[in-house]
């Protein structure tokens, strides 16, 4: 597991511990939408945040995908 994935799992665990699993699920769903959009925008020549942080964003997306699948 990469450092980016580890950090994302820790972030989700923190939110779940503080606010509950439904809040962590909402956090993962929102993050998934935002990070996916950032990558799409970069690919179309728009905002380059997604291009600069593509590896980290993809690692986070993988964690979010897994968390959402387990908790929906």
Protein backbone atom coordinates (compact mmCIF):
# COMPACT_ATOMS: atom_id res chain seq x y z
CA UNK A 1 0.00 0.00 0.00
CA UNK A 2 1.35 3.42 -0.93
CA UNK A 3 1.73 6.33 1.48
CA UNK A 4 -1.13 8.13 -0.27
CA UNK A 5 -3.42 5.11 0.23
CA UNK A 6 -2.40 4.77 3.87
CA UNK A 7 -3.13 8.46 4.51
CA UNK A 8 -6.54 8.17 2.87
CA UNK A 9 -7.48 5.09 4.95
CA UNK A 10 -6.37 6.96 8.08
CA UNK A 11 -8.45 9.97 7.09
CA UNK A 12 -11.54 7.80 6.56
CA UNK A 13 -10.96 6.04 9.91
CA UNK A 14 -10.69 9.43 11.62
CA UNK A 15 -13.95 10.69 10.09
CA UNK A 16 -15.72 7.40 10.89
CA UNK A 17 -14.48 7.49 14.49
CA UNK A 18 -15.44 11.12 14.96
CA UNK A 19 -18.71 11.31 13.01
CA UNK A 20 -19.69 7.72 12.18
CA UNK A 21 -19.53 5.51 9.12
CA UNK A 22 -22.31 7.35 7.23
CA UNK A 23 -20.27 10.56 7.42
CA UNK A 24 -17.12 8.76 6.28
CA UNK A 25 -19.07 7.25 3.40
CA UNK A 26 -20.31 10.71 2.40
CA UNK A 27 -16.72 11.99 2.65
CA UNK A 28 -15.51 9.19 0.35
CA UNK A 29 -18.31 9.79 -2.16
CA UNK A 30 -17.64 13.53 -2.26
CA UNK A 31 -13.89 13.01 -2.57
CA UNK A 32 -14.42 10.49 -5.34
CA UNK A 33 -16.48 13.01 -7.33
CA UNK A 34 -14.00 15.84 -6.76
CA UNK A 35 -10.85 13.86 -7.54
CA UNK A 36 -12.41 12.24 -10.62
CA UNK A 37 -13.42 15.68 -11.87
CA UNK A 38 -9.90 17.05 -11.30
CA UNK A 39 -8.41 14.26 -13.40
CA UNK A 40 -11.01 14.72 -16.16
CA UNK A 41 -10.38 18.47 -16.26
CA UNK A 42 -6.62 17.93 -16.56
CA UNK A 43 -7.12 15.45 -19.39
CA UNK A 44 -9.22 17.99 -21.30
CA UNK A 45 -6.60 20.71 -20.90
CA UNK A 46 -8.34 22.55 -18.08
CA UNK A 47 -7.27 22.84 -14.45
CA UNK A 48 -3.88 21.17 -14.10
CA UNK A 49 -4.24 20.20 -10.42
CA UNK A 50 -5.30 16.74 -11.58
CA UNK A 51 -2.23 16.41 -13.79
CA UNK A 52 0.18 17.53 -11.07
CA UNK A 53 -1.26 15.17 -8.45
CA UNK A 54 -2.54 12.35 -10.69
CA UNK A 55 -0.74 9.51 -8.85
CA UNK A 56 -1.91 10.67 -5.43
CA UNK A 57 -5.45 11.28 -6.68
CA UNK A 58 -5.61 7.84 -8.29
CA UNK A 59 -4.44 6.24 -5.03
CA UNK A 60 -7.16 8.12 -3.15
CA UNK A 61 -9.75 7.10 -5.74
CA UNK A 62 -8.84 3.44 -5.26
CA UNK A 63 -9.31 3.76 -1.50
CA UNK A 64 -12.59 5.64 -1.91
CA UNK A 65 -13.86 3.03 -4.38
CA UNK A 66 -13.08 0.25 -1.90
CA UNK A 67 -14.60 2.11 1.06
CA UNK A 68 -17.77 2.92 -0.85
CA UNK A 69 -18.16 -0.68 -2.02
CA UNK A 70 -17.81 -1.97 1.56
CA UNK A 71 -20.15 0.55 3.16
CA UNK A 72 -22.92 1.34 0.69
